[in-house]
Amino acid sequence: MSINKVDKTDDLVKINNVLVSVSDKNNLETFIPKLVEINPEINIFSTGGTFAKLKEILGEKATCLTQVSDYTGQPETQGGLVKTLDFKIYLGILTETYNEAHKADLKRTNGVPIDMVVVNLYPFKETISKQGVTVEDARGNIDIGGPCMIRASAKNYLRVASVVDPKDYVSIITELKENSNTISLKSRFELAKKAFAHTAEYDKTIAEFLSGKTYEEMSGCYRL
C-alpha cells in the first residue's frame, strides 16, 4: 500500500492553524476577528501586504499572527517574488491526520498542520483589461505561490478547508460557531471543488491572453 493512500479521515476538523494570503482583502475585517473570537488560541500565518492588513485589523489581538518568513525561517525574496513556496508550508498543508510518516516530518521540522488556507490570486484579468497593457505587465501578474497553495489545500480536503472566495466567509463562520470550531468534510469537499474551478479559470485566462499575443509583441517588451 502507498504510504500516501488514505483510508481513514475525520468528518469534523478543528481550525487551529490558518494561512492567509489574499489579493482581494474584502471582508477580512469581519472574518479574521470572528475566527479569533471562536478560537482565541488560533494561529494565523500570513505574508506581505496581507500580514500588514491583518495586524491592523487585529490590533492588540495580533499576538496570534505570525509572518510566514518567521515560521519557515526563510525571508521573502526582494520584491516578494517568493514568499510561501517553502517545504514547511506545504508539509503543513498536505499532512494527513492518520499518517505517522507525516506526523514524524512535522515533528522533525517543528511544523504545524495547517487547517485552513485563505488565498485568492493576483488580479490577472483586471490587469489585462487595462488600456495599453503589455505582455510584461501581464507576466508580472501571474501568481505562482497562490495557485500552488490553493491546489495543495484543495487536494487535501480530507483535512484542510481551501477558501478562495470572500463570499464564503459568512457561511464558514456560521458553521464554525455551530460546531465548536470545526468544519465538516462535506464543506471542505465543496470548498475544494470551488478552489479547483478558481485556479482552472485563472490558468485559462492566462493561456488565452498569451495565445492572442505574437512573438513580436512579447519580444518588443525587452532589450535583446
Protein backbone atom coordinates (compact mmCIF):
# COMPACT_ATOMS: atom_id res chain seq x y z
CA MET A 1 0.00 0.00 0.00
CA SER A 2 1.21 3.51 -0.83
CA ILE A 3 2.37 5.48 2.19
CA ASN A 4 0.18 8.34 0.94
CA LYS A 5 -3.01 6.34 0.30
CA VAL A 6 -5.76 7.34 2.73
CA ASP A 7 -8.45 5.00 4.06
CA LYS A 8 -9.37 6.91 7.22
CA THR A 9 -10.21 10.54 7.83
CA ASP A 10 -12.29 12.78 10.11
CA ASP A 11 -15.63 14.37 9.35
CA LEU A 12 -15.11 17.36 11.65
CA VAL A 13 -11.76 19.18 11.73
CA LYS A 14 -10.85 21.89 14.24
CA ILE A 15 -9.47 25.13 12.83
CA ASN A 16 -6.33 25.83 14.85
CA ASN A 17 -3.81 26.96 12.21
CA VAL A 18 -4.77 29.22 9.30
CA LEU A 19 -2.71 30.53 6.39
CA VAL A 20 -3.96 33.80 4.86
CA SER A 21 -2.53 35.41 1.72
CA VAL A 22 -5.01 37.35 -0.38
CA SER A 23 -5.13 39.89 -3.16
CA ASP A 24 -8.82 40.60 -2.51
CA LYS A 25 -8.89 41.82 1.10
CA ASN A 26 -12.63 42.49 1.19
CA ASN A 27 -14.38 41.35 4.39
CA LEU A 28 -11.18 40.35 6.19
CA GLU A 29 -12.09 42.92 8.84
CA THR A 30 -15.06 40.77 9.89
CA PHE A 31 -13.82 37.28 9.00
CA ILE A 32 -10.49 37.27 10.83
CA PRO A 33 -11.68 38.72 14.17
CA LYS A 34 -14.52 36.19 14.21
CA LEU A 35 -12.05 33.34 13.68
CA VAL A 36 -10.10 34.64 16.68
CA GLU A 37 -13.28 35.05 18.70
CA ILE A 38 -14.32 31.45 18.01
CA ASN A 39 -10.85 30.12 18.82
CA PRO A 40 -8.74 32.51 20.97
CA GLU A 41 -5.79 30.11 20.65
CA ILE A 42 -5.81 30.16 16.84
CA ASN A 43 -2.53 30.69 14.95
CA ILE A 44 -2.64 32.77 11.78
CA PHE A 45 0.26 32.81 9.31
CA SER A 46 0.46 35.50 6.66
CA THR A 47 2.67 37.39 4.22
CA GLY A 48 3.44 40.86 2.92
CA GLY A 49 0.51 43.20 2.48
CA THR A 50 -1.92 40.69 3.92
CA PHE A 51 0.13 40.45 7.12
CA ALA A 52 0.13 44.24 7.45
CA LYS A 53 -3.63 44.37 6.92
CA LEU A 54 -4.30 41.63 9.47
CA LYS A 55 -2.03 43.30 12.01
CA GLU A 56 -4.05 46.50 11.58
CA ILE A 57 -7.36 44.62 11.87
CA LEU A 58 -6.41 42.61 14.95
CA GLY A 59 -4.68 45.35 16.92
CA GLU A 60 -3.92 44.06 20.43
CA LYS A 61 -5.04 40.57 19.41
CA ALA A 62 -2.33 40.34 16.75
CA THR A 63 -0.30 38.06 19.05
CA CYS A 64 -1.89 35.16 17.15
CA LEU A 65 -0.35 36.47 13.91
CA THR A 66 2.98 35.21 12.53
CA GLN A 67 4.86 36.19 9.38
CA VAL A 68 5.36 33.18 7.12
CA SER A 69 9.06 34.08 6.91
CA ASP A 70 9.35 33.88 10.71
CA TYR A 71 7.62 30.50 10.70
CA THR A 72 9.72 29.00 7.90
CA GLY A 73 13.00 30.70 8.79
CA GLN A 74 13.31 31.84 5.17
CA PRO A 75 12.94 35.57 4.46
CA GLU A 76 10.87 36.69 1.49
CA THR A 77 12.88 37.41 -1.66
CA GLN A 78 13.36 41.01 -2.74
CA GLY A 79 10.14 42.34 -4.23
CA GLY A 80 8.15 39.50 -2.66
CA LEU A 81 8.77 37.19 -5.63
CA VAL A 82 8.98 34.12 -3.36
CA LYS A 83 7.04 34.15 -0.08
CA THR A 84 5.19 30.90 0.54
CA LEU A 85 6.93 28.34 -1.69
CA ASP A 86 8.55 26.53 1.21
CA PHE A 87 8.74 22.87 2.28
CA LYS A 88 7.42 23.64 5.77
CA ILE A 89 4.33 25.38 4.37
CA TYR A 90 3.42 22.54 2.01
CA LEU A 91 4.14 19.89 4.61
CA GLY A 92 1.66 21.67 6.88
CA ILE A 93 -0.98 21.81 4.15
CA LEU A 94 -0.57 18.28 2.78
CA THR A 95 -0.10 16.44 6.09
CA GLU A 96 -2.81 13.85 6.72
CA THR A 97 -4.26 13.20 10.15
CA TYR A 98 -3.53 9.49 10.48
CA ASN A 99 -0.25 9.32 8.54
CA GLU A 100 2.55 8.57 11.02
CA ALA A 101 5.25 9.47 8.49
CA HIS A 102 3.68 12.90 8.03
CA LYS A 103 3.50 13.39 11.79
CA ALA A 104 7.19 12.50 12.05
CA ASP A 105 8.03 15.06 9.35
CA LEU A 106 6.10 17.76 11.23
CA LYS A 107 7.96 16.91 14.42
CA ARG A 108 11.30 16.90 12.61
CA THR A 109 10.70 20.36 11.13
CA ASN A 110 8.88 21.80 14.15
CA GLY A 111 5.94 22.39 11.84
CA VAL A 112 2.19 22.52 12.40
CA PRO A 113 -0.70 21.10 10.37
CA ILE A 114 -2.44 23.94 8.54
CA ASP A 115 -6.21 23.50 8.78
CA MET A 116 -7.45 26.35 6.60
CA VAL A 117 -5.89 28.15 3.64
CA VAL A 118 -7.43 31.51 2.72
CA VAL A 119 -5.94 32.52 -0.62
CA ASN A 120 -7.06 34.40 -3.70
CA LEU A 121 -4.93 35.38 -6.65
CA TYR A 122 -3.20 38.35 -8.24
CA PRO A 123 -5.72 40.28 -10.38
CA PHE A 124 -4.55 38.99 -13.76
CA LYS A 125 -7.90 39.52 -15.51
CA GLU A 126 -8.11 43.07 -14.18
CA THR A 127 -4.56 43.77 -15.31
CA ILE A 128 -5.06 42.62 -18.90
CA SER A 129 -8.31 44.59 -19.21
CA LYS A 130 -6.43 47.89 -18.80
CA GLN A 131 -5.75 50.06 -21.82
CA GLY A 132 -2.23 49.65 -23.20
CA VAL A 133 -1.24 46.68 -21.04
CA THR A 134 1.91 44.93 -22.26
CA VAL A 135 2.84 41.27 -22.18
CA GLU A 136 5.37 42.13 -19.48
CA ASP A 137 2.70 43.85 -17.39
CA ALA A 138 0.63 40.68 -17.64
CA ARG A 139 3.56 38.36 -16.92
CA GLY A 140 4.28 40.21 -13.70
CA ASN A 141 0.74 39.50 -12.52
CA ILE A 142 0.90 35.73 -12.99
CA ASP A 143 0.54 34.32 -9.49
CA ILE A 144 2.68 31.26 -8.66
CA GLY A 145 2.51 30.73 -4.89
CA GLY A 146 -1.22 31.36 -4.70
CA PRO A 147 -2.33 28.63 -7.13
CA CYS A 148 0.13 26.21 -5.53
CA MET A 149 -1.35 26.78 -2.07
CA ILE A 150 -4.89 26.58 -3.37
CA ARG A 151 -4.24 23.33 -5.22
CA ALA A 152 -2.41 21.76 -2.26
CA SER A 153 -5.16 22.65 0.22
CA ALA A 154 -7.93 21.60 -2.17
CA LYS A 155 -6.18 18.29 -2.82
CA ASN A 156 -6.09 17.68 0.93
CA TYR A 157 -9.78 18.45 1.51
CA LEU A 158 -9.66 15.42 3.79
CA ARG A 159 -8.25 17.76 6.44
CA VAL A 160 -7.95 21.28 5.03
CA ALA A 161 -10.51 23.95 4.14
CA SER A 162 -9.45 25.78 0.97
CA VAL A 163 -11.10 29.22 0.91
CA VAL A 164 -10.82 31.26 -2.30
CA ASP A 165 -13.99 33.39 -2.25
CA PRO A 166 -14.69 36.13 0.34
CA LYS A 167 -18.39 35.42 -0.19
CA ASP A 168 -17.88 32.14 1.68
CA TYR A 169 -16.62 33.80 4.87
CA VAL A 170 -20.08 34.18 6.40
CA SER A 171 -21.10 30.54 5.92
CA ILE A 172 -17.74 29.33 7.24
CA ILE A 173 -18.05 31.42 10.39
CA THR A 174 -21.61 30.21 10.89
CA GLU A 175 -20.51 26.57 10.64
CA LEU A 176 -17.58 27.05 13.00
CA LYS A 177 -19.83 28.74 15.57
CA GLU A 178 -22.43 25.98 15.36
CA ASN A 179 -19.92 23.13 15.51
CA SER A 180 -17.44 24.16 18.23
CA ASN A 181 -14.77 25.48 15.85
CA THR A 182 -14.97 22.54 13.44
CA ILE A 183 -15.73 22.33 9.73
CA SER A 184 -17.24 19.26 8.09
CA LEU A 185 -15.83 17.02 5.37
CA LYS A 186 -18.81 17.96 3.20
CA SER A 187 -17.95 21.65 3.46
CA ARG A 188 -14.26 21.01 2.83
CA PHE A 189 -15.14 18.98 -0.26
CA GLU A 190 -17.41 21.73 -1.62
CA LEU A 191 -14.73 24.33 -0.97
CA ALA A 192 -12.20 22.14 -2.81
CA LYS A 193 -14.44 21.99 -5.90
CA LYS A 194 -14.67 25.77 -5.91
CA ALA A 195 -10.92 26.11 -5.39
CA PHE A 196 -10.02 23.91 -8.37
CA ALA A 197 -12.53 25.79 -10.54
CA HIS A 198 -10.91 29.05 -9.41
CA THR A 199 -7.39 28.01 -10.43
CA ALA A 200 -8.66 26.43 -13.68
CA GLU A 201 -10.33 29.69 -14.71
CA TYR A 202 -7.21 31.63 -13.73
CA ASP A 203 -4.93 29.44 -15.86
CA LYS A 204 -7.40 29.55 -18.75
CA THR A 205 -7.37 33.35 -18.68
CA ILE A 206 -3.56 33.39 -18.79
CA ALA A 207 -3.42 30.83 -21.60
CA GLU A 208 -5.97 32.70 -23.71
CA PHE A 209 -4.17 36.01 -23.21
CA LEU A 210 -0.78 34.60 -24.23
CA SER A 211 -2.31 32.71 -27.15
CA GLY A 212 -3.56 36.00 -28.53
CA LYS A 213 -0.11 37.59 -28.50
CA THR A 214 2.61 37.32 -31.11
CA TYR A 215 6.31 36.77 -30.57
CA GLU A 216 6.90 40.31 -31.83
CA GLU A 217 4.53 41.77 -29.21
CA MET A 218 6.25 39.80 -26.48
CA SER A 219 9.85 40.43 -27.54
CA GLY A 220 9.14 44.14 -28.03
CA CYS A 221 8.96 44.47 -24.24
CA TYR A 222 12.63 43.62 -23.76
CA ARG A 223 16.12 44.61 -24.86
CA LEU A 224 17.52 41.61 -26.74
